[in-house]
Amino acid sequence: MGDTKTSTGLEPNIAGLLCYVVGWITGLVFFLVEKEDRFVRFHAMQSIVVFGALTVASLILSVIPIIGWILGWLLGILGLVLWVLLMVKAYQGQMYKVKWAGDFAEKHI
């Protein structure tokens, strides 16, 4: 990464990590603000896709009694694991791709 800064004035790995802090919301903020750095834009878009999908799935499951609540709880654990993993990988400077979301993010940055 070196001395390069993004258009936000942050180091790319810090900006990449911040894309995940509040899920799709910070992903959207960084996607709209960062116009140059592919690394940051990738992590911003991946955050939007992954955590946007998890949010929608969680909302749908929350209205389904019992089984939906159980699946929603399991989805929450998956979301927590992904959240930590993606922040660590971004901080390490890796363009770690979640299988389906990473490919989509790479095509749309």
N, C-alpha and C. Protein backbone atom coordinates (compact mmCIF):
# COMPACT_ATOMS: atom_id res chain seq x y z
N MET A 1 0.82 -1.18 0.00
CA MET A 1 0.00 0.00 0.00
C MET A 1 0.87 1.25 0.00
N GLY A 2 1.84 1.32 0.88
CA GLY A 2 2.80 2.42 0.85
C GLY A 2 2.22 3.75 1.27
N ASP A 3 2.69 4.81 0.58
CA ASP A 3 2.32 6.17 0.94
C ASP A 3 1.09 6.67 0.20
N THR A 4 0.49 5.84 -0.63
CA THR A 4 -0.65 6.30 -1.42
C THR A 4 -1.86 6.56 -0.52
N LYS A 5 -2.56 7.61 -0.86
CA LYS A 5 -3.80 7.94 -0.15
C LYS A 5 -4.94 7.89 -1.16
N THR A 6 -6.12 7.65 -0.67
CA THR A 6 -7.29 7.65 -1.53
C THR A 6 -7.77 9.09 -1.68
N SER A 7 -8.80 9.29 -2.49
CA SER A 7 -9.34 10.64 -2.63
C SER A 7 -10.02 11.11 -1.35
N THR A 8 -10.24 10.19 -0.41
CA THR A 8 -10.80 10.57 0.89
C THR A 8 -9.71 11.05 1.85
N GLY A 9 -8.44 10.87 1.46
CA GLY A 9 -7.32 11.26 2.31
C GLY A 9 -6.88 10.15 3.25
N LEU A 10 -7.53 9.00 3.17
CA LEU A 10 -7.19 7.86 4.02
C LEU A 10 -6.29 6.89 3.28
N GLU A 11 -5.56 6.09 4.03
CA GLU A 11 -4.82 4.98 3.43
C GLU A 11 -5.86 4.00 2.86
N PRO A 12 -5.56 3.35 1.73
CA PRO A 12 -6.54 2.43 1.14
C PRO A 12 -7.01 1.32 2.08
N ASN A 13 -6.10 0.76 2.87
CA ASN A 13 -6.53 -0.34 3.76
C ASN A 13 -7.47 0.15 4.87
N ILE A 14 -7.25 1.37 5.35
CA ILE A 14 -8.13 1.94 6.37
C ILE A 14 -9.50 2.24 5.76
N ALA A 15 -9.51 2.85 4.58
CA ALA A 15 -10.77 3.14 3.90
C ALA A 15 -11.50 1.85 3.57
N GLY A 16 -10.78 0.81 3.13
CA GLY A 16 -11.39 -0.48 2.83
C GLY A 16 -12.05 -1.09 4.06
N LEU A 17 -11.36 -1.03 5.19
CA LEU A 17 -11.92 -1.52 6.45
C LEU A 17 -13.18 -0.75 6.81
N LEU A 18 -13.12 0.58 6.68
CA LEU A 18 -14.26 1.42 7.04
C LEU A 18 -15.50 1.16 6.17
N CYS A 19 -15.29 0.63 4.98
CA CYS A 19 -16.43 0.29 4.10
C CYS A 19 -17.37 -0.72 4.77
N TYR A 20 -16.84 -1.51 5.70
CA TYR A 20 -17.62 -2.57 6.33
C TYR A 20 -18.16 -2.23 7.71
N VAL A 21 -17.68 -1.15 8.32
CA VAL A 21 -17.97 -0.87 9.73
C VAL A 21 -19.47 -0.85 10.05
N VAL A 22 -20.26 -0.18 9.24
CA VAL A 22 -21.71 -0.14 9.47
C VAL A 22 -22.42 -0.83 8.29
N GLY A 23 -21.79 -1.89 7.80
CA GLY A 23 -22.40 -2.69 6.74
C GLY A 23 -22.61 -1.92 5.45
N TRP A 24 -23.77 -2.13 4.83
CA TRP A 24 -24.03 -1.54 3.52
C TRP A 24 -24.07 -0.01 3.56
N ILE A 25 -24.33 0.56 4.73
CA ILE A 25 -24.42 2.02 4.84
C ILE A 25 -23.05 2.66 4.59
N THR A 26 -22.02 2.19 5.29
CA THR A 26 -20.69 2.76 5.06
C THR A 26 -20.16 2.34 3.69
N GLY A 27 -20.58 1.18 3.22
CA GLY A 27 -20.22 0.79 1.86
C GLY A 27 -20.74 1.79 0.85
N LEU A 28 -21.99 2.19 1.01
CA LEU A 28 -22.61 3.16 0.11
C LEU A 28 -21.92 4.52 0.20
N VAL A 29 -21.62 4.96 1.42
CA VAL A 29 -20.93 6.24 1.61
C VAL A 29 -19.59 6.24 0.87
N PHE A 30 -18.79 5.20 1.09
CA PHE A 30 -17.47 5.16 0.44
C PHE A 30 -17.59 4.97 -1.07
N PHE A 31 -18.61 4.24 -1.53
CA PHE A 31 -18.78 4.07 -2.97
C PHE A 31 -19.11 5.41 -3.64
N LEU A 32 -19.89 6.23 -2.97
CA LEU A 32 -20.26 7.53 -3.52
C LEU A 32 -19.13 8.55 -3.40
N VAL A 33 -18.34 8.46 -2.34
CA VAL A 33 -17.29 9.46 -2.09
C VAL A 33 -15.99 9.13 -2.84
N GLU A 34 -15.59 7.87 -2.83
CA GLU A 34 -14.32 7.47 -3.45
C GLU A 34 -14.52 7.24 -4.95
N LYS A 35 -13.87 8.05 -5.76
CA LYS A 35 -14.04 7.94 -7.21
C LYS A 35 -12.85 7.30 -7.91
N GLU A 36 -11.69 7.22 -7.27
CA GLU A 36 -10.46 6.80 -7.94
C GLU A 36 -10.00 5.38 -7.57
N ASP A 37 -9.86 5.11 -6.30
CA ASP A 37 -9.18 3.91 -5.82
C ASP A 37 -10.02 2.65 -6.01
N ARG A 38 -9.56 1.74 -6.87
CA ARG A 38 -10.29 0.50 -7.16
C ARG A 38 -10.43 -0.39 -5.93
N PHE A 39 -9.39 -0.43 -5.11
CA PHE A 39 -9.41 -1.25 -3.90
C PHE A 39 -10.56 -0.82 -2.98
N VAL A 40 -10.66 0.46 -2.72
CA VAL A 40 -11.71 0.99 -1.84
C VAL A 40 -13.08 0.81 -2.50
N ARG A 41 -13.19 1.10 -3.78
CA ARG A 41 -14.47 0.95 -4.47
C ARG A 41 -14.93 -0.51 -4.48
N PHE A 42 -13.97 -1.44 -4.63
CA PHE A 42 -14.31 -2.87 -4.58
C PHE A 42 -14.91 -3.23 -3.22
N HIS A 43 -14.21 -2.83 -2.14
CA HIS A 43 -14.71 -3.18 -0.81
C HIS A 43 -16.02 -2.47 -0.50
N ALA A 44 -16.19 -1.25 -0.98
CA ALA A 44 -17.45 -0.53 -0.79
C ALA A 44 -18.60 -1.27 -1.48
N MET A 45 -18.40 -1.67 -2.73
CA MET A 45 -19.45 -2.37 -3.47
C MET A 45 -19.72 -3.74 -2.86
N GLN A 46 -18.67 -4.45 -2.45
CA GLN A 46 -18.88 -5.76 -1.84
C GLN A 46 -19.66 -5.61 -0.53
N SER A 47 -19.38 -4.58 0.23
CA SER A 47 -20.12 -4.32 1.47
C SER A 47 -21.59 -4.07 1.18
N ILE A 48 -21.87 -3.27 0.16
CA ILE A 48 -23.26 -2.98 -0.22
C ILE A 48 -23.97 -4.27 -0.59
N VAL A 49 -23.34 -5.10 -1.40
CA VAL A 49 -23.99 -6.32 -1.89
C VAL A 49 -24.17 -7.34 -0.76
N VAL A 50 -23.10 -7.63 -0.02
CA VAL A 50 -23.17 -8.65 1.03
C VAL A 50 -24.13 -8.25 2.13
N PHE A 51 -23.92 -7.06 2.69
CA PHE A 51 -24.72 -6.68 3.84
C PHE A 51 -26.11 -6.18 3.44
N GLY A 52 -26.26 -5.72 2.21
CA GLY A 52 -27.59 -5.42 1.70
C GLY A 52 -28.41 -6.69 1.58
N ALA A 53 -27.82 -7.74 1.02
CA ALA A 53 -28.51 -9.02 0.87
C ALA A 53 -28.84 -9.62 2.24
N LEU A 54 -27.89 -9.54 3.17
CA LEU A 54 -28.15 -10.07 4.52
C LEU A 54 -29.26 -9.29 5.22
N THR A 55 -29.32 -7.99 5.01
CA THR A 55 -30.37 -7.17 5.61
C THR A 55 -31.74 -7.55 5.05
N VAL A 56 -31.83 -7.68 3.73
CA VAL A 56 -33.10 -8.05 3.10
C VAL A 56 -33.53 -9.45 3.56
N ALA A 57 -32.60 -10.40 3.56
CA ALA A 57 -32.93 -11.77 3.99
C ALA A 57 -33.38 -11.78 5.45
N SER A 58 -32.72 -11.01 6.28
CA SER A 58 -33.08 -10.94 7.69
C SER A 58 -34.48 -10.36 7.88
N LEU A 59 -34.80 -9.32 7.12
CA LEU A 59 -36.15 -8.74 7.20
C LEU A 59 -37.22 -9.74 6.78
N ILE A 60 -36.96 -10.47 5.72
CA ILE A 60 -37.92 -11.48 5.25
C ILE A 60 -38.09 -12.58 6.29
N LEU A 61 -36.96 -13.09 6.81
CA LEU A 61 -37.03 -14.17 7.79
C LEU A 61 -37.70 -13.74 9.09
N SER A 62 -37.60 -12.48 9.43
CA SER A 62 -38.15 -12.01 10.71
C SER A 62 -39.68 -12.08 10.76
N VAL A 63 -40.34 -12.14 9.61
CA VAL A 63 -41.81 -12.22 9.60
C VAL A 63 -42.32 -13.65 9.51
N ILE A 64 -41.41 -14.62 9.42
CA ILE A 64 -41.80 -16.03 9.36
C ILE A 64 -41.63 -16.62 10.77
N PRO A 65 -42.73 -17.01 11.39
CA PRO A 65 -42.64 -17.53 12.77
C PRO A 65 -41.75 -18.77 12.88
N ILE A 66 -41.12 -18.91 13.99
CA ILE A 66 -40.28 -20.01 14.45
C ILE A 66 -39.13 -20.32 13.49
N ILE A 67 -39.39 -20.99 12.39
CA ILE A 67 -38.29 -21.39 11.49
C ILE A 67 -37.57 -20.17 10.92
N GLY A 68 -38.32 -19.13 10.59
CA GLY A 68 -37.71 -17.91 10.09
C GLY A 68 -36.83 -17.24 11.14
N TRP A 69 -37.29 -17.29 12.38
CA TRP A 69 -36.52 -16.69 13.47
C TRP A 69 -35.22 -17.47 13.70
N ILE A 70 -35.32 -18.79 13.62
CA ILE A 70 -34.12 -19.63 13.81
C ILE A 70 -33.13 -19.38 12.67
N LEU A 71 -33.64 -19.39 11.44
CA LEU A 71 -32.77 -19.12 10.29
C LEU A 71 -32.20 -17.71 10.34
N GLY A 72 -32.99 -16.75 10.81
CA GLY A 72 -32.52 -15.38 10.96
C GLY A 72 -31.39 -15.29 11.97
N TRP A 73 -31.50 -16.04 13.05
CA TRP A 73 -30.45 -16.07 14.08
C TRP A 73 -29.16 -16.65 13.49
N LEU A 74 -29.29 -17.74 12.73
CA LEU A 74 -28.11 -18.34 12.07
C LEU A 74 -27.51 -17.38 11.05
N LEU A 75 -28.37 -16.68 10.34
CA LEU A 75 -27.91 -15.68 9.37
C LEU A 75 -27.16 -14.55 10.07
N GLY A 76 -27.61 -14.19 11.25
CA GLY A 76 -26.93 -13.17 12.05
C GLY A 76 -25.53 -13.59 12.43
N ILE A 77 -25.35 -14.86 12.79
CA ILE A 77 -24.02 -15.38 13.12
C ILE A 77 -23.14 -15.35 11.88
N LEU A 78 -23.67 -15.79 10.76
CA LEU A 78 -22.92 -15.73 9.49
C LEU A 78 -22.52 -14.30 9.18
N GLY A 79 -23.44 -13.36 9.35
CA GLY A 79 -23.16 -11.95 9.10
C GLY A 79 -22.04 -11.43 9.98
N LEU A 80 -22.05 -11.81 11.25
CA LEU A 80 -21.01 -11.37 12.18
C LEU A 80 -19.63 -11.91 11.75
N VAL A 81 -19.58 -13.18 11.38
CA VAL A 81 -18.32 -13.79 10.94
C VAL A 81 -17.82 -13.10 9.67
N LEU A 82 -18.71 -12.89 8.72
CA LEU A 82 -18.33 -12.20 7.47
C LEU A 82 -17.86 -10.78 7.74
N TRP A 83 -18.55 -10.08 8.63
CA TRP A 83 -18.21 -8.70 8.97
C TRP A 83 -16.79 -8.61 9.48
N VAL A 84 -16.44 -9.46 10.45
CA VAL A 84 -15.08 -9.45 11.01
C VAL A 84 -14.06 -9.86 9.95
N LEU A 85 -14.33 -10.95 9.24
CA LEU A 85 -13.41 -11.44 8.22
C LEU A 85 -13.13 -10.38 7.15
N LEU A 86 -14.16 -9.74 6.65
CA LEU A 86 -13.99 -8.76 5.58
C LEU A 86 -13.25 -7.52 6.06
N MET A 87 -13.49 -7.11 7.29
CA MET A 87 -12.73 -5.96 7.82
C MET A 87 -11.26 -6.30 7.97
N VAL A 88 -10.95 -7.49 8.47
CA VAL A 88 -9.55 -7.92 8.64
C VAL A 88 -8.86 -8.01 7.28
N LYS A 89 -9.51 -8.64 6.32
CA LYS A 89 -8.91 -8.80 4.98
C LYS A 89 -8.67 -7.44 4.32
N ALA A 90 -9.62 -6.52 4.44
CA ALA A 90 -9.44 -5.19 3.86
C ALA A 90 -8.28 -4.47 4.54
N TYR A 91 -8.20 -4.56 5.86
CA TYR A 91 -7.12 -3.91 6.60
C TYR A 91 -5.75 -4.48 6.20
N GLN A 92 -5.72 -5.77 5.88
CA GLN A 92 -4.48 -6.42 5.43
C GLN A 92 -4.14 -6.07 3.99
N GLY A 93 -5.00 -5.33 3.32
CA GLY A 93 -4.75 -4.92 1.94
C GLY A 93 -5.12 -5.96 0.91
N GLN A 94 -5.95 -6.92 1.28
CA GLN A 94 -6.35 -7.98 0.35
C GLN A 94 -7.70 -7.66 -0.29
N MET A 95 -7.82 -7.98 -1.56
CA MET A 95 -9.12 -7.86 -2.25
C MET A 95 -9.83 -9.21 -2.13
N TYR A 96 -10.13 -9.59 -0.91
CA TYR A 96 -10.79 -10.85 -0.61
C TYR A 96 -12.22 -10.80 -1.14
N LYS A 97 -12.59 -11.83 -1.92
CA LYS A 97 -13.91 -11.84 -2.53
C LYS A 97 -14.82 -12.88 -1.89
N VAL A 98 -15.99 -12.43 -1.46
CA VAL A 98 -17.06 -13.35 -1.09
C VAL A 98 -17.56 -13.88 -2.43
N LYS A 99 -17.71 -15.18 -2.53
CA LYS A 99 -17.92 -15.85 -3.82
C LYS A 99 -18.81 -15.11 -4.81
N TRP A 100 -20.06 -14.93 -4.55
CA TRP A 100 -20.98 -14.31 -5.51
C TRP A 100 -20.89 -12.79 -5.47
N ALA A 101 -20.73 -12.22 -4.30
CA ALA A 101 -20.74 -10.77 -4.15
C ALA A 101 -19.46 -10.13 -4.68
N GLY A 102 -18.33 -10.80 -4.48
CA GLY A 102 -17.05 -10.26 -4.93
C GLY A 102 -16.97 -10.15 -6.44
N ASP A 103 -17.50 -11.15 -7.13
CA ASP A 103 -17.52 -11.11 -8.60
C ASP A 103 -18.40 -9.96 -9.09
N PHE A 104 -19.56 -9.79 -8.46
CA PHE A 104 -20.45 -8.70 -8.83
C PHE A 104 -19.78 -7.35 -8.57
N ALA A 105 -19.15 -7.23 -7.40
CA ALA A 105 -18.49 -5.98 -7.02
C ALA A 105 -17.38 -5.65 -7.99
N GLU A 106 -16.61 -6.64 -8.38
CA GLU A 106 -15.48 -6.41 -9.30
C GLU A 106 -15.97 -5.91 -10.66
N LYS A 107 -17.10 -6.42 -11.11
CA LYS A 107 -17.64 -6.00 -12.41
C LYS A 107 -18.25 -4.61 -12.37
N HIS A 108 -18.68 -4.16 -11.20
CA HIS A 108 -19.42 -2.90 -11.09
C HIS A 108 -18.67 -1.76 -10.41
N ILE A 109 -17.34 -1.89 -10.37
CA ILE A 109 -16.58 -0.76 -9.84
C ILE A 109 -15.97 -0.08 -11.01
